[in-house]
C-alpha atoms as a PDB file:
ATOM      1  CA  UNK A   1    -143.144 124.086 -38.378  1.00  0.00           C
ATOM      2  CA  UNK A   2    -139.695 125.612 -38.955  1.00  0.00           C
ATOM      3  CA  UNK A   3    -136.830 124.053 -36.993  1.00  0.00           C
ATOM      4  CA  UNK A   4    -134.156 126.261 -35.405  1.00  0.00           C
ATOM      5  CA  UNK A   5    -131.746 123.420 -34.811  1.00  0.00           C
ATOM      6  CA  UNK A   6    -128.236 123.788 -36.182  1.00  0.00           C
ATOM      7  CA  UNK A   7    -126.575 120.916 -37.976  1.00  0.00           C
ATOM      8  CA  UNK A   8    -122.819 120.454 -37.763  1.00  0.00           C
ATOM      9  CA  UNK A   9    -121.094 118.187 -40.216  1.00  0.00           C
ATOM     10  CA  UNK A  10    -117.944 116.549 -38.890  1.00  0.00           C
ATOM     11  CA  UNK A  11    -115.661 115.228 -41.595  1.00  0.00           C
ATOM     12  CA  UNK A  12    -112.053 114.011 -41.522  1.00  0.00           C
ATOM     13  CA  UNK A  13    -109.309 116.390 -42.560  1.00  0.00           C
ATOM     14  CA  UNK A  14    -108.151 115.721 -46.072  1.00  0.00           C
ATOM     15  CA  UNK A  15    -104.955 117.739 -45.813  1.00  0.00           C
ATOM     16  CA  UNK A  16    -102.207 118.015 -43.208  1.00  0.00           C
ATOM     17  CA  UNK A  17    -102.131 121.749 -43.955  1.00  0.00           C
ATOM     18  CA  UNK A  18    -105.767 122.298 -42.944  1.00  0.00           C
ATOM     19  CA  UNK A  19    -105.451 125.023 -40.311  1.00  0.00           C
ATOM     20  CA  UNK A  20    -109.089 125.465 -39.386  1.00  0.00           C
ATOM     21  CA  UNK A  21    -108.795 128.418 -36.999  1.00  0.00           C
ATOM     22  CA  UNK A  22    -112.453 129.294 -37.615  1.00  0.00           C
ATOM     23  CA  UNK A  23    -113.479 126.005 -36.012  1.00  0.00           C
ATOM     24  CA  UNK A  24    -111.297 126.735 -32.989  1.00  0.00           C
ATOM     25  CA  UNK A  25    -113.092 130.068 -32.599  1.00  0.00           C
ATOM     26  CA  UNK A  26    -116.446 128.275 -32.723  1.00  0.00           C
ATOM     27  CA  UNK A  27    -115.298 126.127 -29.800  1.00  0.00           C
ATOM     28  CA  UNK A  28    -114.019 129.086 -27.764  1.00  0.00           C
ATOM     29  CA  UNK A  29    -116.336 128.237 -24.850  1.00  0.00           C
ATOM     30  CA  UNK A  30    -114.640 124.848 -24.567  1.00  0.00           C
ATOM     31  CA  UNK A  31    -111.276 126.595 -24.712  1.00  0.00           C
ATOM     32  CA  UNK A  32    -112.279 128.719 -21.702  1.00  0.00           C
ATOM     33  CA  UNK A  33    -113.393 125.596 -19.811  1.00  0.00           C
ATOM     34  CA  UNK A  34    -110.073 123.877 -20.518  1.00  0.00           C
ATOM     35  CA  UNK A  35    -108.142 126.942 -19.350  1.00  0.00           C
ATOM     36  CA  UNK A  36    -110.084 126.914 -16.085  1.00  0.00           C
ATOM     37  CA  UNK A  37    -109.562 123.163 -15.720  1.00  0.00           C
ATOM     38  CA  UNK A  38    -105.809 123.396 -16.263  1.00  0.00           C
ATOM     39  CA  UNK A  39    -105.404 126.278 -13.828  1.00  0.00           C
ATOM     40  CA  UNK A  40    -107.545 124.770 -11.054  1.00  0.00           C
ATOM     41  CA  UNK A  41    -106.327 121.177 -11.397  1.00  0.00           C
ATOM     42  CA  UNK A  42    -102.655 122.144 -11.247  1.00  0.00           C
ATOM     43  CA  UNK A  43    -102.686 122.998  -7.522  1.00  0.00           C
ATOM     44  CA  UNK A  44    -106.091 121.764  -6.399  1.00  0.00           C
ATOM     45  CA  UNK A  45    -104.714 119.195  -3.946  1.00  0.00           C
ATOM     46  CA  UNK A  46    -101.772 121.217  -2.670  1.00  0.00           C
ATOM     47  CA  UNK A  47    -101.520 122.973   0.689  1.00  0.00           C
ATOM     48  CA  UNK A  48    -100.162 126.289  -0.583  1.00  0.00           C
ATOM     49  CA  UNK A  49    -102.060 126.238  -3.870  1.00  0.00           C
ATOM     50  CA  UNK A  50    -101.331 129.200  -6.206  1.00  0.00           C
ATOM     51  CA  UNK A  51     -98.703 130.449  -3.751  1.00  0.00           C
ATOM     52  CA  UNK A  52     -96.323 128.064  -5.503  1.00  0.00           C
ATOM     53  CA  UNK A  53     -96.491 130.434  -8.474  1.00  0.00           C
ATOM     54  CA  UNK A  54     -94.762 133.037  -6.281  1.00  0.00           C
ATOM     55  CA  UNK A  55     -92.506 130.752  -4.234  1.00  0.00           C
ATOM     56  CA  UNK A  56     -90.805 128.989  -7.130  1.00  0.00           C
ATOM     57  CA  UNK A  57     -89.170 132.028  -8.856  1.00  0.00           C
ATOM     58  CA  UNK A  58     -88.281 133.653  -5.519  1.00  0.00           C
ATOM     59  CA  UNK A  59     -86.419 130.579  -4.250  1.00  0.00           C
ATOM     60  CA  UNK A  60     -84.840 129.775  -7.631  1.00  0.00           C
ATOM     61  CA  UNK A  61     -83.532 133.324  -7.999  1.00  0.00           C
ATOM     62  CA  UNK A  62     -82.091 133.175  -4.479  1.00  0.00           C
ATOM     63  CA  UNK A  63     -80.283 129.898  -5.258  1.00  0.00           C
ATOM     64  CA  UNK A  64     -78.867 131.390  -8.470  1.00  0.00           C
ATOM     65  CA  UNK A  65     -77.796 134.479  -6.524  1.00  0.00           C
ATOM     66  CA  UNK A  66     -75.824 132.384  -4.021  1.00  0.00           C
ATOM     67  CA  UNK A  67     -74.263 129.967  -6.511  1.00  0.00           C
ATOM     68  CA  UNK A  68     -73.592 132.066  -9.599  1.00  0.00           C
ATOM     69  CA  UNK A  69     -73.015 135.500  -8.053  1.00  0.00           C
ATOM     70  CA  UNK A  70     -71.551 134.872  -4.606  1.00  0.00           C
ATOM     71  CA  UNK A  71     -69.700 131.619  -5.285  1.00  0.00           C
ATOM     72  CA  UNK A  72     -68.928 131.683  -9.034  1.00  0.00           C
ATOM     73  CA  UNK A  73     -68.722 135.503  -9.089  1.00  0.00           C
ATOM     74  CA  UNK A  74     -70.366 135.802 -12.510  1.00  0.00           C
ATOM     75  CA  UNK A  75     -71.058 139.418 -13.459  1.00  0.00           C
ATOM     76  CA  UNK A  76     -74.573 140.717 -14.079  1.00  0.00           C
ATOM     77  CA  UNK A  77     -73.461 143.858 -15.956  1.00  0.00           C
ATOM     78  CA  UNK A  78     -73.956 146.121 -12.958  1.00  0.00           C
ATOM     79  CA  UNK A  79     -77.562 145.069 -12.366  1.00  0.00           C
ATOM     80  CA  UNK A  80     -78.744 143.913  -8.913  1.00  0.00           C
ATOM     81  CA  UNK A  81     -77.942 140.175  -9.189  1.00  0.00           C
ATOM     82  CA  UNK A  82     -81.173 138.967  -7.616  1.00  0.00           C
ATOM     83  CA  UNK A  83     -83.316 141.116  -9.918  1.00  0.00           C
ATOM     84  CA  UNK A  84     -81.206 140.067 -12.905  1.00  0.00           C
ATOM     85  CA  UNK A  85     -81.887 136.375 -12.236  1.00  0.00           C
ATOM     86  CA  UNK A  86     -85.541 136.990 -11.445  1.00  0.00           C
ATOM     87  CA  UNK A  87     -86.052 138.796 -14.779  1.00  0.00           C
ATOM     88  CA  UNK A  88     -84.498 135.918 -16.710  1.00  0.00           C
ATOM     89  CA  UNK A  89     -86.482 133.284 -14.812  1.00  0.00           C
ATOM     90  CA  UNK A  90     -89.778 135.129 -15.218  1.00  0.00           C
ATOM     91  CA  UNK A  91     -89.464 135.014 -18.995  1.00  0.00           C
ATOM     92  CA  UNK A  92     -87.913 131.549 -19.135  1.00  0.00           C
ATOM     93  CA  UNK A  93     -90.503 129.914 -16.863  1.00  0.00           C
ATOM     94  CA  UNK A  94     -93.381 130.826 -19.164  1.00  0.00           C
ATOM     95  CA  UNK A  95     -91.636 129.314 -22.172  1.00  0.00           C
ATOM     96  CA  UNK A  96     -90.461 126.161 -20.365  1.00  0.00           C
ATOM     97  CA  UNK A  97     -93.832 125.536 -18.697  1.00  0.00           C
ATOM     98  CA  UNK A  98     -95.622 125.820 -22.050  1.00  0.00           C
ATOM     99  CA  UNK A  99     -93.125 123.409 -23.603  1.00  0.00           C
ATOM    100  CA  UNK A 100     -93.286 120.860 -20.785  1.00  0.00           C
ATOM    101  CA  UNK A 101     -97.072 120.966 -20.489  1.00  0.00           C
ATOM    102  CA  UNK A 102     -97.908 120.739 -24.196  1.00  0.00           C
ATOM    103  CA  UNK A 103     -95.378 117.960 -24.855  1.00  0.00           C
ATOM    104  CA  UNK A 104     -97.747 115.404 -23.319  1.00  0.00           C
ATOM    105  CA  UNK A 105    -101.033 116.484 -24.917  1.00  0.00           C
ATOM    106  CA  UNK A 106    -101.865 113.314 -26.857  1.00  0.00           C
ATOM    107  CA  UNK A 107    -100.829 110.835 -24.167  1.00  0.00           C
ATOM    108  CA  UNK A 108    -102.337 112.838 -21.313  1.00  0.00           C
ATOM    109  CA  UNK A 109    -105.681 113.445 -23.039  1.00  0.00           C
ATOM    110  CA  UNK A 110    -106.138 110.129 -24.850  1.00  0.00           C
ATOM    111  CA  UNK A 111    -109.272 109.363 -22.814  1.00  0.00           C
ATOM    112  CA  UNK A 112    -111.006 112.570 -23.923  1.00  0.00           C
ATOM    113  CA  UNK A 113    -109.775 112.457 -27.511  1.00  0.00           C
ATOM    114  CA  UNK A 114    -111.124 108.933 -27.964  1.00  0.00           C
ATOM    115  CA  UNK A 115    -114.655 109.743 -26.809  1.00  0.00           C
ATOM    116  CA  UNK A 116    -115.787 113.068 -28.196  1.00  0.00           C
ATOM    117  CA  UNK A 117    -114.966 115.315 -31.132  1.00  0.00           C
ATOM    118  CA  UNK A 118    -113.587 118.816 -30.798  1.00  0.00           C
ATOM    119  CA  UNK A 119    -110.643 120.600 -32.453  1.00  0.00           C
ATOM    120  CA  UNK A 120    -107.687 118.866 -30.782  1.00  0.00           C
ATOM    121  CA  UNK A 121    -105.539 121.982 -31.069  1.00  0.00           C
ATOM    122  CA  UNK A 122    -107.715 123.580 -28.391  1.00  0.00           C
ATOM    123  CA  UNK A 123    -105.992 121.453 -25.746  1.00  0.00           C
ATOM    124  CA  UNK A 124    -102.428 122.789 -26.179  1.00  0.00           C
ATOM    125  CA  UNK A 125    -103.811 126.297 -26.728  1.00  0.00           C
ATOM    126  CA  UNK A 126    -105.637 126.106 -23.396  1.00  0.00           C
ATOM    127  CA  UNK A 127    -102.386 125.094 -21.694  1.00  0.00           C
ATOM    128  CA  UNK A 128    -100.529 128.105 -23.118  1.00  0.00           C
ATOM    129  CA  UNK A 129    -103.308 130.477 -22.029  1.00  0.00           C
ATOM    130  CA  UNK A 130    -103.592 128.994 -18.516  1.00  0.00           C
ATOM    131  CA  UNK A 131     -99.815 129.304 -18.126  1.00  0.00           C
ATOM    132  CA  UNK A 132    -100.195 132.960 -19.090  1.00  0.00           C
ATOM    133  CA  UNK A 133    -102.107 133.431 -15.823  1.00  0.00           C
ATOM    134  CA  UNK A 134     -99.192 131.882 -13.956  1.00  0.00           C
ATOM    135  CA  UNK A 135     -96.801 134.191 -15.791  1.00  0.00           C
ATOM    136  CA  UNK A 136     -98.916 137.206 -14.777  1.00  0.00           C
ATOM    137  CA  UNK A 137     -98.523 136.263 -11.106  1.00  0.00           C
ATOM    138  CA  UNK A 138     -94.769 135.836 -11.430  1.00  0.00           C
ATOM    139  CA  UNK A 139     -94.509 139.101 -13.336  1.00  0.00           C
ATOM    140  CA  UNK A 140     -96.205 140.846 -10.405  1.00  0.00           C
ATOM    141  CA  UNK A 141     -93.510 139.408  -8.103  1.00  0.00           C
ATOM    142  CA  UNK A 142     -90.834 140.666 -10.482  1.00  0.00           C
ATOM    143  CA  UNK A 143     -92.344 144.168 -10.468  1.00  0.00           C
ATOM    144  CA  UNK A 144     -92.550 144.214  -6.664  1.00  0.00           C
ATOM    145  CA  UNK A 145     -88.840 143.421  -6.407  1.00  0.00           C
ATOM    146  CA  UNK A 146     -88.227 145.926  -9.197  1.00  0.00           C
ATOM    147  CA  UNK A 147     -89.845 148.699  -7.149  1.00  0.00           C
ATOM    148  CA  UNK A 148     -87.905 147.629  -4.047  1.00  0.00           C
ATOM    149  CA  UNK A 149     -84.506 147.761  -5.778  1.00  0.00           C
ATOM    150  CA  UNK A 150     -85.421 151.015  -7.501  1.00  0.00           C
ATOM    151  CA  UNK A 151     -86.239 152.589  -4.129  1.00  0.00           C
ATOM    152  CA  UNK A 152     -82.872 151.332  -2.879  1.00  0.00           C
ATOM    153  CA  UNK A 153     -81.150 153.378  -5.584  1.00  0.00           C
ATOM    154  CA  UNK A 154     -80.345 150.629  -8.082  1.00  0.00           C
ATOM    155  CA  UNK A 155     -79.518 151.862 -11.600  1.00  0.00           C
ATOM    156  CA  UNK A 156     -82.455 150.246 -13.359  1.00  0.00           C
ATOM    157  CA  UNK A 157     -84.936 151.818 -15.726  1.00  0.00           C
ATOM    158  CA  UNK A 158     -87.698 151.084 -18.167  1.00  0.00           C
ATOM    159  CA  UNK A 159     -86.620 151.638 -21.747  1.00  0.00           C
ATOM    160  CA  UNK A 160     -88.579 152.395 -24.899  1.00  0.00           C
ATOM    161  CA  UNK A 161     -88.394 148.685 -25.744  1.00  0.00           C
ATOM    162  CA  UNK A 162     -90.931 147.919 -23.018  1.00  0.00           C
ATOM    163  CA  UNK A 163     -93.582 148.419 -25.723  1.00  0.00           C
ATOM    164  CA  UNK A 164     -92.344 145.103 -27.164  1.00  0.00           C
ATOM    165  CA  UNK A 165     -93.658 143.292 -24.082  1.00  0.00           C
ATOM    166  CA  UNK A 166     -96.758 141.853 -25.880  1.00  0.00           C
ATOM    167  CA  UNK A 167     -94.514 140.651 -28.702  1.00  0.00           C
ATOM    168  CA  UNK A 168     -92.214 138.941 -26.204  1.00  0.00           C
ATOM    169  CA  UNK A 169     -95.205 137.221 -24.600  1.00  0.00           C
ATOM    170  CA  UNK A 170     -96.303 135.853 -27.975  1.00  0.00           C
ATOM    171  CA  UNK A 171     -92.761 134.645 -28.669  1.00  0.00           C
ATOM    172  CA  UNK A 172     -92.414 132.881 -25.297  1.00  0.00           C
ATOM    173  CA  UNK A 173     -95.769 131.148 -25.627  1.00  0.00           C
ATOM    174  CA  UNK A 174     -95.411 130.495 -29.366  1.00  0.00           C
ATOM    175  CA  UNK A 175     -91.963 128.922 -29.088  1.00  0.00           C
ATOM    176  CA  UNK A 176     -93.090 126.753 -26.179  1.00  0.00           C
ATOM    177  CA  UNK A 177     -96.263 125.732 -28.029  1.00  0.00           C
ATOM    178  CA  UNK A 178     -94.443 124.966 -31.278  1.00  0.00           C
ATOM    179  CA  UNK A 179     -91.772 122.814 -29.652  1.00  0.00           C
ATOM    180  CA  UNK A 180     -94.304 121.209 -27.332  1.00  0.00           C
ATOM    181  CA  UNK A 181     -96.751 120.005 -29.973  1.00  0.00           C
ATOM    182  CA  UNK A 182     -93.887 118.651 -32.075  1.00  0.00           C
ATOM    183  CA  UNK A 183     -92.712 116.577 -29.110  1.00  0.00           C
ATOM    184  CA  UNK A 184     -96.319 115.630 -28.295  1.00  0.00           C
ATOM    185  CA  UNK A 185     -96.861 114.285 -31.800  1.00  0.00           C
ATOM    186  CA  UNK A 186     -93.658 112.234 -31.588  1.00  0.00           C
ATOM    187  CA  UNK A 187     -94.293 110.830 -28.092  1.00  0.00           C
ATOM    188  CA  UNK A 188     -97.283 108.827 -29.330  1.00  0.00           C
ATOM    189  CA  UNK A 189     -94.745 106.479 -30.947  1.00  0.00           C
ATOM    190  CA  UNK A 190     -91.543 107.256 -29.075  1.00  0.00           C
ATOM    191  CA  UNK A 191     -92.322 107.367 -25.357  1.00  0.00           C
ATOM    192  CA  UNK A 192     -88.652 107.879 -24.487  1.00  0.00           C
ATOM    193  CA  UNK A 193     -89.080 111.538 -25.440  1.00  0.00           C
ATOM    194  CA  UNK A 194     -91.331 112.010 -22.411  1.00  0.00           C
ATOM    195  CA  UNK A 195     -88.382 111.342 -20.110  1.00  0.00           C
ATOM    196  CA  UNK A 196     -86.004 113.458 -22.155  1.00  0.00           C
ATOM    197  CA  UNK A 197     -88.135 116.618 -22.272  1.00  0.00           C
ATOM    198  CA  UNK A 198     -87.776 117.673 -18.632  1.00  0.00           C
ATOM    199  CA  UNK A 199     -84.040 116.968 -18.626  1.00  0.00           C
ATOM    200  CA  UNK A 200     -83.566 118.608 -22.011  1.00  0.00           C
ATOM    201  CA  UNK A 201     -85.374 121.797 -20.998  1.00  0.00           C
ATOM    202  CA  UNK A 202     -83.079 122.160 -17.977  1.00  0.00           C
ATOM    203  CA  UNK A 203     -80.012 121.845 -20.189  1.00  0.00           C
ATOM    204  CA  UNK A 204     -81.570 124.250 -22.691  1.00  0.00           C
ATOM    205  CA  UNK A 205     -81.839 126.871 -19.935  1.00  0.00           C
ATOM    206  CA  UNK A 206     -78.068 126.860 -19.443  1.00  0.00           C
ATOM    207  CA  UNK A 207     -77.667 127.444 -23.186  1.00  0.00           C
ATOM    208  CA  UNK A 208     -79.834 130.566 -22.783  1.00  0.00           C
ATOM    209  CA  UNK A 209     -78.638 133.800 -21.087  1.00  0.00           C
ATOM    210  CA  UNK A 210     -80.920 133.333 -18.071  1.00  0.00           C
ATOM    211  CA  UNK A 211     -78.272 133.239 -15.354  1.00  0.00           C
ATOM    212  CA  UNK A 212     -75.566 135.158 -17.199  1.00  0.00           C
ATOM    213  CA  UNK A 213     -75.513 138.202 -19.503  1.00  0.00           C
ATOM    214  CA  UNK A 214     -74.596 137.754 -23.147  1.00  0.00           C
ATOM    215  CA  UNK A 215     -71.590 140.009 -22.578  1.00  0.00           C
ATOM    216  CA  UNK A 216     -69.981 137.292 -20.439  1.00  0.00           C
ATOM    217  CA  UNK A 217     -69.946 134.755 -23.296  1.00  0.00           C
ATOM    218  CA  UNK A 218     -66.609 134.503 -25.168  1.00  0.00           C
ATOM    219  CA  UNK A 219     -66.857 135.877 -28.680  1.00  0.00           C
ATOM    220  CA  UNK A 220     -66.160 132.496 -30.290  1.00  0.00           C
ATOM    221  CA  UNK A 221     -69.315 131.042 -28.682  1.00  0.00           C
ATOM    222  CA  UNK A 222     -71.650 133.934 -29.513  1.00  0.00           C
ATOM    223  CA  UNK A 223     -72.849 132.347 -32.744  1.00  0.00           C
ATOM    224  CA  UNK A 224     -73.963 129.187 -30.950  1.00  0.00           C
ATOM    225  CA  UNK A 225     -75.813 131.115 -28.236  1.00  0.00           C
ATOM    226  CA  UNK A 226     -77.537 133.291 -30.830  1.00  0.00           C
ATOM    227  CA  UNK A 227     -78.870 130.175 -32.592  1.00  0.00           C
ATOM    228  CA  UNK A 228     -81.040 129.694 -29.525  1.00  0.00           C
ATOM    229  CA  UNK A 229     -84.360 131.452 -30.341  1.00  0.00           C
ATOM    230  CA  UNK A 230     -84.911 132.292 -26.664  1.00  0.00           C
ATOM    231  CA  UNK A 231     -81.693 134.311 -26.479  1.00  0.00           C
ATOM    232  CA  UNK A 232     -83.190 137.329 -28.246  1.00  0.00           C
ATOM    233  CA  UNK A 233     -86.340 137.114 -26.134  1.00  0.00           C
ATOM    234  CA  UNK A 234     -84.522 137.022 -22.775  1.00  0.00           C
ATOM    235  CA  UNK A 235     -82.090 139.773 -23.750  1.00  0.00           C
ATOM    236  CA  UNK A 236     -84.887 142.044 -25.007  1.00  0.00           C
ATOM    237  CA  UNK A 237     -86.925 141.408 -21.850  1.00  0.00           C
ATOM    238  CA  UNK A 238     -84.018 142.511 -19.653  1.00  0.00           C
ATOM    239  CA  UNK A 239     -83.285 145.514 -21.868  1.00  0.00           C
ATOM    240  CA  UNK A 240     -86.929 146.576 -21.722  1.00  0.00           C
ATOM    241  CA  UNK A 241     -87.271 146.492 -17.938  1.00  0.00           C
ATOM    242  CA  UNK A 242     -83.756 146.770 -16.537  1.00  0.00           C
ATOM    243  CA  UNK A 243     -82.018 148.841 -19.195  1.00  0.00           C
ATOM    244  CA  UNK A 244     -79.129 146.371 -19.514  1.00  0.00           C
ATOM    245  CA  UNK A 245     -77.786 145.250 -22.877  1.00  0.00           C
ATOM    246  CA  UNK A 246     -78.086 146.454 -26.477  1.00  0.00           C
ATOM    247  CA  UNK A 247     -81.110 145.977 -28.695  1.00  0.00           C
ATOM    248  CA  UNK A 248     -80.466 143.223 -31.232  1.00  0.00           C
ATOM    249  CA  UNK A 249     -83.229 143.363 -33.832  1.00  0.00           C
ATOM    250  CA  UNK A 250     -81.658 140.536 -35.826  1.00  0.00           C
ATOM    251  CA  UNK A 251     -81.922 138.178 -32.837  1.00  0.00           C
ATOM    252  CA  UNK A 252     -85.533 139.168 -32.223  1.00  0.00           C
ATOM    253  CA  UNK A 253     -86.582 138.693 -35.852  1.00  0.00           C
ATOM    254  CA  UNK A 254     -84.771 135.371 -35.825  1.00  0.00           C
ATOM    255  CA  UNK A 255     -86.901 134.339 -32.826  1.00  0.00           C
ATOM    256  CA  UNK A 256     -90.037 135.341 -34.746  1.00  0.00           C
ATOM    257  CA  UNK A 257     -88.978 133.297 -37.791  1.00  0.00           C
ATOM    258  CA  UNK A 258     -88.168 130.223 -35.686  1.00  0.00           C
ATOM    259  CA  UNK A 259     -91.493 130.503 -33.849  1.00  0.00           C
ATOM    260  CA  UNK A 260     -93.454 130.628 -37.113  1.00  0.00           C
ATOM    261  CA  UNK A 261     -91.492 127.658 -38.500  1.00  0.00           C
ATOM    262  CA  UNK A 262     -91.988 125.599 -35.329  1.00  0.00           C
ATOM    263  CA  UNK A 263     -95.716 126.354 -35.190  1.00  0.00           C
ATOM    264  CA  UNK A 264     -96.135 125.409 -38.856  1.00  0.00           C
ATOM    265  CA  UNK A 265     -94.228 122.140 -38.477  1.00  0.00           C
ATOM    266  CA  UNK A 266     -95.937 121.436 -35.167  1.00  0.00           C
ATOM    267  CA  UNK A 267     -99.467 121.898 -36.512  1.00  0.00           C
ATOM    268  CA  UNK A 268     -98.709 119.721 -39.550  1.00  0.00           C
ATOM    269  CA  UNK A 269     -97.375 116.928 -37.312  1.00  0.00           C
ATOM    270  CA  UNK A 270    -100.296 117.455 -34.942  1.00  0.00           C
ATOM    271  CA  UNK A 271    -102.790 117.028 -37.796  1.00  0.00           C
ATOM    272  CA  UNK A 272    -100.982 113.918 -39.009  1.00  0.00           C
ATOM    273  CA  UNK A 273    -100.858 112.324 -35.551  1.00  0.00           C
ATOM    274  CA  UNK A 274    -104.475 113.225 -34.824  1.00  0.00           C
ATOM    275  CA  UNK A 275    -105.696 110.867 -37.556  1.00  0.00           C
ATOM    276  CA  UNK A 276    -104.420 107.635 -36.045  1.00  0.00           C
ATOM    277  CA  UNK A 277    -102.941 108.365 -32.619  1.00  0.00           C
ATOM    278  CA  UNK A 278    -105.543 106.159 -30.858  1.00  0.00           C
ATOM    279  CA  UNK A 279    -103.892 103.150 -32.494  1.00  0.00           C
ATOM    280  CA  UNK A 280    -100.525 103.937 -30.948  1.00  0.00           C
ATOM    281  CA  UNK A 281    -101.304 105.625 -27.591  1.00  0.00           C
END
């Protein structure tokens, strides 16, 4: 009698550069389950639930409006200040959430990793995808305010660069994933990094043109700001949807190069840590 059973052979990786994306595709059903788990578990025991996705950027943008526009009187290049801050936060929040969430993958999932085999890279990938759902909700809020300010006569407009929106999404998620899995691999030995990530991301935001336009930065500091790979992403996002700024292809290609480098380094470190992390977690 012929057997229809399928045999899977599980063998250790022999190379740190073994990027087995085919295996990840084979476990796509598990990836979907993890995405659902991450999304549901995040606000399962909260009163407002997913409403926090909408509340957080609305309140944060209002605080920035009061402090940086009304009090500090920082220009927003003629854009409605509230919409200017909301655009920057919408893009930044996706990146920062991916970074924060993936930076604790090994420590947070040690119980699962030690019991059953599956491609470990599925876990941070599921986090990035589940955060994409959160981004979609916040983007809807941004568009609602966009329509409101447009109806009020604000000088805002979609530009031809809006077609780069999918590319910007990949860059936000890819940069957050790359940095996050690097930190995750290091936190198995150096737990201090866990405490530094949240604080460091907040400082990183102020080194990114989220609450100020690039035009407000003195020329002598431009080079330092442009070394930040999120600078090109935020500036292109605002140019695409608000029409403010000038397209800087060099900055955008730089962001692409940094993302690829971070993902490569991150996956190599991830593969290395995966082999013996249970001895250190």
